[in-house]
Amino acid sequence: MPEQELSGMVKYQSLNGTENQNFLHEILSHVLLHSTFHRGQIVHMLRQLGLSELPATDYIVYTRMRAAGK
């Protein structure tokens, strides 16, 4: 994607109906950071359940396993 497009403004409506606008690069950053937050929550919950050897939560690991037929 050309850098110019990342600087573009995106207008959208939140689930509660509020009109918003953000630069595309801000939205992409939010999505990446938000997913990291939830991965941390998953690891925390698994540890609370007593698991010490946790499975990988990285998306790239998932795609590699899927490609290998696992």
N, C-alpha and C. Protein backbone atom coordinates (compact mmCIF):
# COMPACT_ATOMS: atom_id res chain seq x y z
N MET A 1 0.84 -1.16 0.00
CA MET A 1 0.00 0.00 0.00
C MET A 1 0.90 1.24 0.00
N PRO A 2 0.63 2.17 -0.87
CA PRO A 2 1.42 3.40 -0.89
C PRO A 2 1.31 4.16 0.44
N GLU A 3 2.41 4.76 0.87
CA GLU A 3 2.43 5.49 2.14
C GLU A 3 1.35 6.57 2.18
N GLN A 4 1.06 7.16 1.05
CA GLN A 4 0.05 8.21 0.97
C GLN A 4 -1.32 7.70 1.43
N GLU A 5 -1.62 6.43 1.12
CA GLU A 5 -2.92 5.87 1.54
C GLU A 5 -2.98 5.67 3.05
N LEU A 6 -1.85 5.35 3.68
CA LEU A 6 -1.82 5.18 5.14
C LEU A 6 -2.12 6.49 5.86
N SER A 7 -1.86 7.60 5.19
CA SER A 7 -2.13 8.92 5.78
C SER A 7 -3.55 9.37 5.52
N GLY A 8 -4.33 8.54 4.83
CA GLY A 8 -5.71 8.90 4.51
C GLY A 8 -6.61 8.86 5.74
N MET A 9 -7.64 9.68 5.71
CA MET A 9 -8.61 9.74 6.80
C MET A 9 -9.74 8.75 6.51
N VAL A 10 -10.14 8.03 7.56
CA VAL A 10 -11.23 7.07 7.46
C VAL A 10 -12.35 7.54 8.38
N LYS A 11 -13.53 7.70 7.84
CA LYS A 11 -14.70 8.07 8.65
C LYS A 11 -15.50 6.80 8.91
N TYR A 12 -15.96 6.66 10.15
CA TYR A 12 -16.70 5.45 10.52
C TYR A 12 -17.62 5.76 11.68
N GLN A 13 -18.49 4.83 11.98
CA GLN A 13 -19.44 4.96 13.06
C GLN A 13 -19.16 3.87 14.09
N SER A 14 -19.01 4.25 15.36
CA SER A 14 -18.81 3.28 16.43
C SER A 14 -20.07 2.46 16.65
N LEU A 15 -19.96 1.38 17.38
CA LEU A 15 -21.13 0.54 17.65
C LEU A 15 -22.23 1.30 18.38
N ASN A 16 -21.84 2.32 19.16
CA ASN A 16 -22.86 3.11 19.87
C ASN A 16 -23.44 4.23 19.02
N GLY A 17 -23.02 4.31 17.74
CA GLY A 17 -23.57 5.29 16.82
C GLY A 17 -22.78 6.57 16.69
N THR A 18 -21.71 6.73 17.47
CA THR A 18 -20.89 7.93 17.40
C THR A 18 -20.10 7.98 16.10
N GLU A 19 -20.14 9.13 15.45
CA GLU A 19 -19.35 9.33 14.24
C GLU A 19 -17.90 9.61 14.64
N ASN A 20 -16.96 8.97 13.96
CA ASN A 20 -15.55 9.14 14.25
C ASN A 20 -14.76 9.26 12.96
N GLN A 21 -13.54 9.70 13.09
CA GLN A 21 -12.61 9.67 11.96
C GLN A 21 -11.20 9.58 12.51
N ASN A 22 -10.40 8.76 11.85
CA ASN A 22 -9.00 8.58 12.21
C ASN A 22 -8.20 8.33 10.95
N PHE A 23 -6.90 8.59 11.05
CA PHE A 23 -6.02 8.23 9.95
C PHE A 23 -5.93 6.70 9.88
N LEU A 24 -5.79 6.17 8.69
CA LEU A 24 -5.72 4.72 8.51
C LEU A 24 -4.57 4.13 9.32
N HIS A 25 -3.41 4.79 9.36
CA HIS A 25 -2.28 4.24 10.12
C HIS A 25 -2.59 4.17 11.61
N GLU A 26 -3.44 5.07 12.12
CA GLU A 26 -3.84 5.00 13.53
C GLU A 26 -4.75 3.79 13.78
N ILE A 27 -5.65 3.53 12.86
CA ILE A 27 -6.55 2.38 13.00
C ILE A 27 -5.77 1.08 12.95
N LEU A 28 -4.83 0.98 12.02
CA LEU A 28 -4.01 -0.23 11.92
C LEU A 28 -3.17 -0.44 13.18
N SER A 29 -2.61 0.63 13.72
CA SER A 29 -1.85 0.52 14.96
C SER A 29 -2.74 0.04 16.10
N HIS A 30 -3.95 0.58 16.17
CA HIS A 30 -4.89 0.17 17.21
C HIS A 30 -5.20 -1.33 17.12
N VAL A 31 -5.45 -1.81 15.93
CA VAL A 31 -5.78 -3.22 15.74
C VAL A 31 -4.62 -4.11 16.20
N LEU A 32 -3.41 -3.76 15.83
CA LEU A 32 -2.25 -4.55 16.24
C LEU A 32 -2.05 -4.53 17.75
N LEU A 33 -2.13 -3.35 18.35
CA LEU A 33 -1.94 -3.25 19.80
C LEU A 33 -3.07 -3.92 20.56
N HIS A 34 -4.28 -3.82 20.07
CA HIS A 34 -5.43 -4.44 20.75
C HIS A 34 -5.31 -5.96 20.74
N SER A 35 -4.85 -6.52 19.63
CA SER A 35 -4.70 -7.97 19.57
C SER A 35 -3.62 -8.44 20.55
N THR A 36 -2.57 -7.65 20.71
CA THR A 36 -1.53 -7.99 21.68
C THR A 36 -2.10 -8.01 23.10
N PHE A 37 -2.95 -7.06 23.40
CA PHE A 37 -3.60 -7.00 24.71
C PHE A 37 -4.38 -8.29 24.98
N HIS A 38 -5.17 -8.73 24.00
CA HIS A 38 -5.98 -9.94 24.19
C HIS A 38 -5.12 -11.20 24.28
N ARG A 39 -4.02 -11.25 23.55
CA ARG A 39 -3.11 -12.40 23.68
C ARG A 39 -2.57 -12.46 25.10
N GLY A 40 -2.25 -11.32 25.67
CA GLY A 40 -1.78 -11.28 27.06
C GLY A 40 -2.85 -11.76 28.02
N GLN A 41 -4.10 -11.39 27.76
CA GLN A 41 -5.20 -11.85 28.61
C GLN A 41 -5.32 -13.38 28.56
N ILE A 42 -5.19 -13.94 27.37
CA ILE A 42 -5.30 -15.39 27.21
C ILE A 42 -4.20 -16.09 28.01
N VAL A 43 -2.97 -15.61 27.88
CA VAL A 43 -1.85 -16.21 28.61
C VAL A 43 -2.09 -16.11 30.11
N HIS A 44 -2.55 -14.96 30.57
CA HIS A 44 -2.82 -14.76 31.99
C HIS A 44 -3.88 -15.75 32.50
N MET A 45 -4.96 -15.90 31.75
CA MET A 45 -6.02 -16.82 32.16
C MET A 45 -5.53 -18.27 32.18
N LEU A 46 -4.73 -18.66 31.20
CA LEU A 46 -4.21 -20.03 31.17
C LEU A 46 -3.29 -20.29 32.37
N ARG A 47 -2.50 -19.28 32.73
CA ARG A 47 -1.63 -19.43 33.91
C ARG A 47 -2.46 -19.53 35.18
N GLN A 48 -3.54 -18.77 35.27
CA GLN A 48 -4.42 -18.86 36.44
C GLN A 48 -5.04 -20.24 36.56
N LEU A 49 -5.22 -20.92 35.44
CA LEU A 49 -5.77 -22.27 35.44
C LEU A 49 -4.71 -23.32 35.76
N GLY A 50 -3.45 -22.88 35.95
CA GLY A 50 -2.40 -23.79 36.35
C GLY A 50 -1.52 -24.30 35.24
N LEU A 51 -1.71 -23.84 34.03
CA LEU A 51 -0.87 -24.28 32.93
C LEU A 51 0.47 -23.57 33.00
N SER A 52 1.54 -24.34 32.91
CA SER A 52 2.87 -23.74 32.94
C SER A 52 3.53 -23.78 31.57
N GLU A 53 3.21 -24.79 30.78
CA GLU A 53 3.72 -24.86 29.41
C GLU A 53 2.59 -24.40 28.49
N LEU A 54 2.69 -23.15 28.10
CA LEU A 54 1.61 -22.54 27.33
C LEU A 54 1.84 -22.69 25.83
N PRO A 55 0.76 -22.86 25.09
CA PRO A 55 0.88 -22.92 23.63
C PRO A 55 1.23 -21.53 23.08
N ALA A 56 1.83 -21.50 21.92
CA ALA A 56 2.14 -20.23 21.27
C ALA A 56 0.84 -19.51 20.92
N THR A 57 0.83 -18.22 21.11
CA THR A 57 -0.35 -17.43 20.75
C THR A 57 -0.06 -16.50 19.57
N ASP A 58 1.11 -16.64 18.97
CA ASP A 58 1.46 -15.80 17.82
C ASP A 58 0.72 -16.27 16.57
N TYR A 59 0.18 -15.33 15.83
CA TYR A 59 -0.53 -15.66 14.60
C TYR A 59 0.38 -16.35 13.59
N ILE A 60 1.63 -15.91 13.50
CA ILE A 60 2.54 -16.50 12.53
C ILE A 60 2.79 -17.97 12.85
N VAL A 61 2.83 -18.32 14.12
CA VAL A 61 2.99 -19.73 14.52
C VAL A 61 1.77 -20.52 14.06
N TYR A 62 0.59 -19.95 14.24
CA TYR A 62 -0.64 -20.59 13.78
C TYR A 62 -0.60 -20.85 12.28
N THR A 63 -0.18 -19.85 11.50
CA THR A 63 -0.16 -20.03 10.05
C THR A 63 0.85 -21.09 9.63
N ARG A 64 1.98 -21.16 10.34
CA ARG A 64 2.98 -22.19 10.02
C ARG A 64 2.44 -23.57 10.34
N MET A 65 1.78 -23.72 11.49
CA MET A 65 1.21 -25.01 11.87
C MET A 65 0.13 -25.43 10.88
N ARG A 66 -0.69 -24.46 10.48
CA ARG A 66 -1.76 -24.75 9.53
C ARG A 66 -1.19 -25.20 8.20
N ALA A 67 -0.13 -24.55 7.75
CA ALA A 67 0.51 -24.91 6.48
C ALA A 67 1.13 -26.30 6.56
N ALA A 68 1.56 -26.69 7.75
CA ALA A 68 2.16 -28.01 7.94
C ALA A 68 1.11 -29.08 8.18
N GLY A 69 -0.17 -28.68 8.20
CA GLY A 69 -1.25 -29.65 8.38
C GLY A 69 -1.45 -30.09 9.82
N LYS A 70 -1.02 -29.29 10.76
CA LYS A 70 -1.16 -29.64 12.19
C LYS A 70 -2.41 -29.07 12.77
